[in-house]
Amino acid sequence: MPGKRVAHLRAHGGPPAPRVARPAADVAPEPGRDCPRCPRLVAFRTIWREREPTWFNAPVSPFGPPDARLAIIGLAPGLRGANRTGRPFTGDYAGDLLYATLGEHGFARGHYAARPDDALALVDCRIVNTVRCVPPENKPTAKEIATCRDFLKGEIARMTRLCTVVALGRIAHDSFVAAMGGRQTAHRFSHGAVHAIGDLTLYDSYHCSRYNTNTGRLTATMFSAVFAAVRARLDATDCGAAATDP
């Protein structure tokens, strides 16, 4: 009975699961501009560097303060979004909805103008993509997702105040659970579900893509509700505080 199960997750923070720990702090540095790890993505990147030499066309780094308590995990750079601008979710529709929602709940300030120089700033929030390089047709392979997971592990380890995560879509959810060493059977993706995994709380949301919103799979109200729940948790608890103690 999926409905009852999701309700249980919302009420109790997820099903019982084996203890898991965050990745070690030395797992992986940030990828370089010419990261060679995924041959198919390297070839695609090379094509677009030739076609659009003024675009960013490189692995896209996280956006937001590294001491944030909230991490938002996306899928991968959009071809004409982050791959063009160099900032996650900047320049495509998904960013329009994401940044408006973050501003609504106090996780962003300033005006989002779909440019990396628009002075938008994130507040207590950092955005990290599951795959750092743009994939053909916005579809990374399972091997590319696994290969890039080292960088996701690195971000989790370096965010010492991290206590809450929002996964945008099933791929982001599954990769985060894998990065934490959790079992997928104990943490199944479902929009609106909440999972306790290690010392972190994971919230699930459908990805804020144009396809999902155009088809009605995700509405602005549904998306906002996820971040309202995150906001309420962060405001009501001292999660992340212990990491700053001397």
Protein backbone atom coordinates (compact mmCIF):
# COMPACT_ATOMS: atom_id res chain seq x y z
CA MET A 1 0.00 0.00 0.00
CA PRO A 2 2.19 2.88 -1.28
CA GLY A 3 0.04 5.64 0.21
CA LYS A 4 0.30 4.30 3.74
CA ARG A 5 4.02 3.72 3.33
CA VAL A 6 4.70 7.32 2.25
CA ALA A 7 2.57 8.59 5.12
CA HIS A 8 4.69 6.49 7.49
CA LEU A 9 7.88 7.97 6.05
CA ARG A 10 6.57 11.48 6.48
CA ALA A 11 5.54 10.84 10.05
CA HIS A 12 8.52 8.84 11.23
CA GLY A 13 11.45 9.97 9.09
CA GLY A 14 11.93 6.72 7.20
CA PRO A 15 11.98 2.97 7.82
CA PRO A 16 14.55 1.33 10.09
CA ALA A 17 17.85 0.84 8.28
CA PRO A 18 21.36 -0.35 9.08
CA ARG A 19 23.71 2.26 10.47
CA VAL A 20 25.58 4.17 7.80
CA ALA A 21 28.28 6.76 8.06
CA ARG A 22 29.27 9.69 5.89
CA PRO A 23 32.07 9.20 3.37
CA ALA A 24 35.62 9.86 4.51
CA ALA A 25 36.81 13.45 4.07
CA ASP A 26 39.56 12.47 1.61
CA VAL A 27 37.42 10.65 -0.97
CA ALA A 28 37.87 13.00 -3.94
CA PRO A 29 38.82 16.58 -4.75
CA GLU A 30 36.78 18.59 -7.24
CA PRO A 31 37.08 17.44 -10.88
CA GLY A 32 39.30 19.54 -13.10
CA ARG A 33 38.05 21.40 -16.15
CA ASP A 34 39.22 18.57 -18.39
CA CYS A 35 38.16 15.66 -16.17
CA PRO A 36 38.87 12.49 -18.22
CA ARG A 37 36.82 9.97 -16.24
CA CYS A 38 33.88 9.39 -18.59
CA PRO A 39 34.88 9.02 -22.28
CA ARG A 40 31.37 9.59 -23.65
CA LEU A 41 30.97 12.80 -21.64
CA VAL A 42 34.44 13.96 -22.63
CA ALA A 43 33.56 13.46 -26.32
CA PHE A 44 30.27 15.33 -25.91
CA ARG A 45 32.03 18.15 -24.05
CA THR A 46 34.62 18.41 -26.83
CA ILE A 47 31.91 18.71 -29.48
CA TRP A 48 30.20 21.55 -27.63
CA ARG A 49 33.44 23.37 -26.93
CA GLU A 50 33.95 23.50 -30.67
CA ARG A 51 30.36 24.53 -31.40
CA GLU A 52 30.03 27.07 -28.59
CA PRO A 53 33.49 28.22 -27.48
CA THR A 54 32.05 30.94 -25.22
CA TRP A 55 30.03 28.48 -23.15
CA PHE A 56 31.32 26.99 -19.89
CA ASN A 57 31.47 23.40 -21.27
CA ALA A 58 33.17 21.81 -18.25
CA PRO A 59 32.31 19.99 -15.00
CA VAL A 60 29.96 22.26 -13.06
CA SER A 61 30.94 22.91 -9.45
CA PRO A 62 28.44 23.10 -6.57
CA PHE A 63 26.77 26.41 -5.81
CA GLY A 64 26.17 27.77 -2.31
CA PRO A 65 28.06 28.00 0.98
CA PRO A 66 29.97 24.81 1.94
CA ASP A 67 28.92 25.23 5.57
CA ALA A 68 25.23 24.98 4.63
CA ARG A 69 22.96 22.60 6.53
CA LEU A 70 20.93 21.77 3.41
CA ALA A 71 22.21 20.09 0.26
CA ILE A 72 20.08 19.88 -2.86
CA ILE A 73 21.15 17.10 -5.19
CA GLY A 74 20.28 17.53 -8.85
CA LEU A 75 20.85 15.23 -11.81
CA ALA A 76 23.34 16.83 -14.23
CA PRO A 77 23.98 20.14 -16.00
CA GLY A 78 21.48 21.04 -18.70
CA LEU A 79 23.04 21.54 -22.12
CA ARG A 80 21.87 25.13 -22.47
CA GLY A 81 21.57 25.71 -18.74
CA ALA A 82 24.46 24.99 -16.38
CA ASN A 83 26.68 23.66 -19.17
CA ARG A 84 26.36 27.06 -20.82
CA THR A 85 26.50 29.27 -17.73
CA GLY A 86 28.68 27.29 -15.33
CA ARG A 87 26.27 27.47 -12.38
CA PRO A 88 23.83 24.71 -11.39
CA PHE A 89 20.24 25.18 -12.60
CA THR A 90 21.08 28.52 -14.19
CA GLY A 91 19.67 29.30 -17.60
CA ASP A 92 16.87 26.75 -17.96
CA TYR A 93 13.30 26.29 -16.74
CA ALA A 94 14.26 24.02 -13.85
CA GLY A 95 16.23 26.90 -12.38
CA ASP A 96 13.28 29.26 -12.68
CA LEU A 97 11.18 27.02 -10.44
CA LEU A 98 13.98 25.94 -8.11
CA TYR A 99 15.34 29.40 -7.30
CA ALA A 100 11.87 30.91 -6.92
CA THR A 101 11.02 28.16 -4.44
CA LEU A 102 14.28 28.57 -2.54
CA GLY A 103 13.63 32.30 -2.24
CA GLU A 104 10.10 31.63 -1.01
CA HIS A 105 11.44 29.58 1.89
CA GLY A 106 14.45 31.69 2.82
CA PHE A 107 17.14 29.58 1.16
CA ALA A 108 18.07 32.23 -1.43
CA ARG A 109 18.31 36.00 -1.59
CA GLY A 110 18.77 38.42 -4.45
CA HIS A 111 17.23 38.38 -7.90
CA TYR A 112 17.61 35.31 -10.09
CA ALA A 113 18.18 36.48 -13.66
CA ALA A 114 19.41 33.17 -15.14
CA ARG A 115 23.01 34.42 -15.26
CA PRO A 116 25.97 33.46 -13.04
CA ASP A 117 26.63 37.17 -12.39
CA ASP A 118 23.06 38.00 -11.28
CA ALA A 119 24.11 38.37 -7.60
CA LEU A 120 21.78 35.58 -6.47
CA ALA A 121 23.08 34.01 -3.25
CA LEU A 122 22.04 30.83 -1.50
CA VAL A 123 21.42 30.86 2.25
CA ASP A 124 22.26 27.78 4.35
CA CYS A 125 21.86 25.75 1.16
CA ARG A 126 24.23 24.23 -1.42
CA ILE A 127 23.36 22.65 -4.77
CA VAL A 128 25.34 19.64 -5.99
CA ASN A 129 24.77 17.64 -9.17
CA THR A 130 24.93 13.85 -9.24
CA VAL A 131 26.88 14.03 -12.51
CA ARG A 132 29.09 17.07 -13.03
CA CYS A 133 29.29 17.07 -16.85
CA VAL A 134 26.43 17.48 -19.31
CA PRO A 135 25.29 14.13 -20.76
CA PRO A 136 23.82 13.63 -24.23
CA GLU A 137 20.01 13.96 -24.13
CA ASN A 138 20.23 14.73 -20.40
CA LYS A 139 20.66 11.00 -19.72
CA PRO A 140 23.82 9.87 -17.93
CA THR A 141 24.55 6.15 -17.98
CA ALA A 142 24.67 4.03 -14.84
CA LYS A 143 28.45 3.81 -15.19
CA GLU A 144 28.81 7.59 -15.49
CA ILE A 145 26.64 8.10 -12.40
CA ALA A 146 28.76 5.62 -10.44
CA THR A 147 32.01 7.13 -11.70
CA CYS A 148 30.98 10.64 -10.68
CA ARG A 149 29.80 9.49 -7.25
CA ASP A 150 33.27 10.07 -5.81
CA PHE A 151 32.68 13.80 -6.21
CA LEU A 152 29.28 13.56 -4.54
CA LYS A 153 30.89 11.69 -1.65
CA GLY A 154 33.48 14.43 -1.41
CA GLU A 155 30.81 17.12 -1.08
CA ILE A 156 28.93 15.18 1.59
CA ALA A 157 32.15 14.78 3.54
CA ARG A 158 33.21 18.42 3.22
CA MET A 159 29.82 19.84 4.25
CA THR A 160 30.52 19.47 7.97
CA ARG A 161 27.23 21.10 9.06
CA LEU A 162 25.12 19.12 6.61
CA CYS A 163 22.07 17.54 8.22
CA THR A 164 19.33 17.69 5.55
CA VAL A 165 19.29 16.69 1.89
CA VAL A 166 16.72 17.15 -0.88
CA ALA A 167 17.07 14.72 -3.78
CA LEU A 168 15.56 15.96 -7.04
CA GLY A 169 14.47 12.78 -8.78
CA ARG A 170 15.11 9.08 -8.43
CA ILE A 171 18.65 9.11 -9.86
CA ALA A 172 19.79 11.77 -7.38
CA HIS A 173 18.08 9.85 -4.57
CA ASP A 174 19.66 6.52 -5.50
CA SER A 175 23.13 7.98 -5.95
CA PHE A 176 22.97 9.76 -2.59
CA VAL A 177 21.85 6.57 -0.82
CA ALA A 178 24.70 4.68 -2.51
CA ALA A 179 27.19 7.41 -1.55
CA MET A 180 26.12 7.00 2.06
CA GLY A 181 26.47 3.22 1.90
CA GLY A 182 22.75 2.72 2.47
CA ARG A 183 20.50 -0.01 1.08
CA GLN A 184 18.17 0.99 -1.74
CA THR A 185 15.53 -1.44 -0.45
CA ALA A 186 15.45 0.45 2.84
CA HIS A 187 15.17 3.86 1.17
CA ARG A 188 12.87 3.79 -1.85
CA PHE A 189 12.27 7.00 -3.78
CA SER A 190 8.81 8.55 -3.57
CA HIS A 191 7.86 12.19 -3.93
CA GLY A 192 7.28 13.67 -0.48
CA ALA A 193 8.94 10.78 1.34
CA VAL A 194 11.43 11.40 4.14
CA HIS A 195 14.24 9.04 5.07
CA ALA A 196 16.65 8.88 7.97
CA ILE A 197 20.03 7.73 6.64
CA GLY A 198 23.00 7.89 8.94
CA ASP A 199 22.94 11.24 10.71
CA LEU A 200 21.18 12.90 7.76
CA THR A 201 17.54 13.37 6.80
CA LEU A 202 16.71 12.88 3.11
CA TYR A 203 13.64 14.44 1.48
CA ASP A 204 12.48 13.23 -1.93
CA SER A 205 11.03 15.37 -4.70
CA TYR A 206 10.32 14.85 -8.34
CA HIS A 207 12.81 16.79 -10.42
CA CYS A 208 11.72 20.34 -11.23
CA SER A 209 12.12 19.79 -14.98
CA ARG A 210 9.84 21.35 -17.56
CA TYR A 211 8.67 17.87 -18.55
CA ASN A 212 7.50 17.06 -15.02
CA THR A 213 5.72 20.38 -14.58
CA ASN A 214 4.16 20.37 -18.07
CA THR A 215 2.73 16.90 -17.51
CA GLY A 216 1.46 17.79 -14.04
CA ARG A 217 3.59 15.18 -12.35
CA LEU A 218 5.05 17.99 -10.27
CA THR A 219 3.28 21.25 -9.49
CA ALA A 220 4.75 24.38 -7.93
CA THR A 221 2.62 23.68 -4.86
CA MET A 222 3.97 20.14 -4.52
CA PHE A 223 7.53 21.38 -4.91
CA SER A 224 7.04 24.18 -2.40
CA ALA A 225 5.64 21.74 0.15
CA VAL A 226 8.90 19.77 0.19
CA PHE A 227 10.93 22.87 1.00
CA ALA A 228 8.36 24.05 3.52
CA ALA A 229 8.92 20.79 5.39
CA VAL A 230 12.69 21.25 5.21
CA ARG A 231 12.40 24.84 6.40
CA ALA A 232 10.24 23.76 9.34
CA ARG A 233 12.74 21.08 10.34
CA LEU A 234 15.74 23.37 10.20
CA ASP A 235 13.92 26.07 12.14
CA ALA A 236 12.76 23.64 14.81
CA THR A 237 15.98 21.72 15.43
CA ASP A 238 19.63 22.42 16.11
CA CYS A 239 20.81 20.05 13.38
CA GLY A 240 24.26 20.95 12.17
CA ALA A 241 25.10 22.89 15.33
CA ALA A 242 27.27 20.21 16.89
CA ALA A 243 29.67 20.25 13.93
CA THR A 244 30.65 23.84 14.72
CA ASP A 245 31.46 23.19 18.40
CA PRO A 246 35.14 23.59 19.32
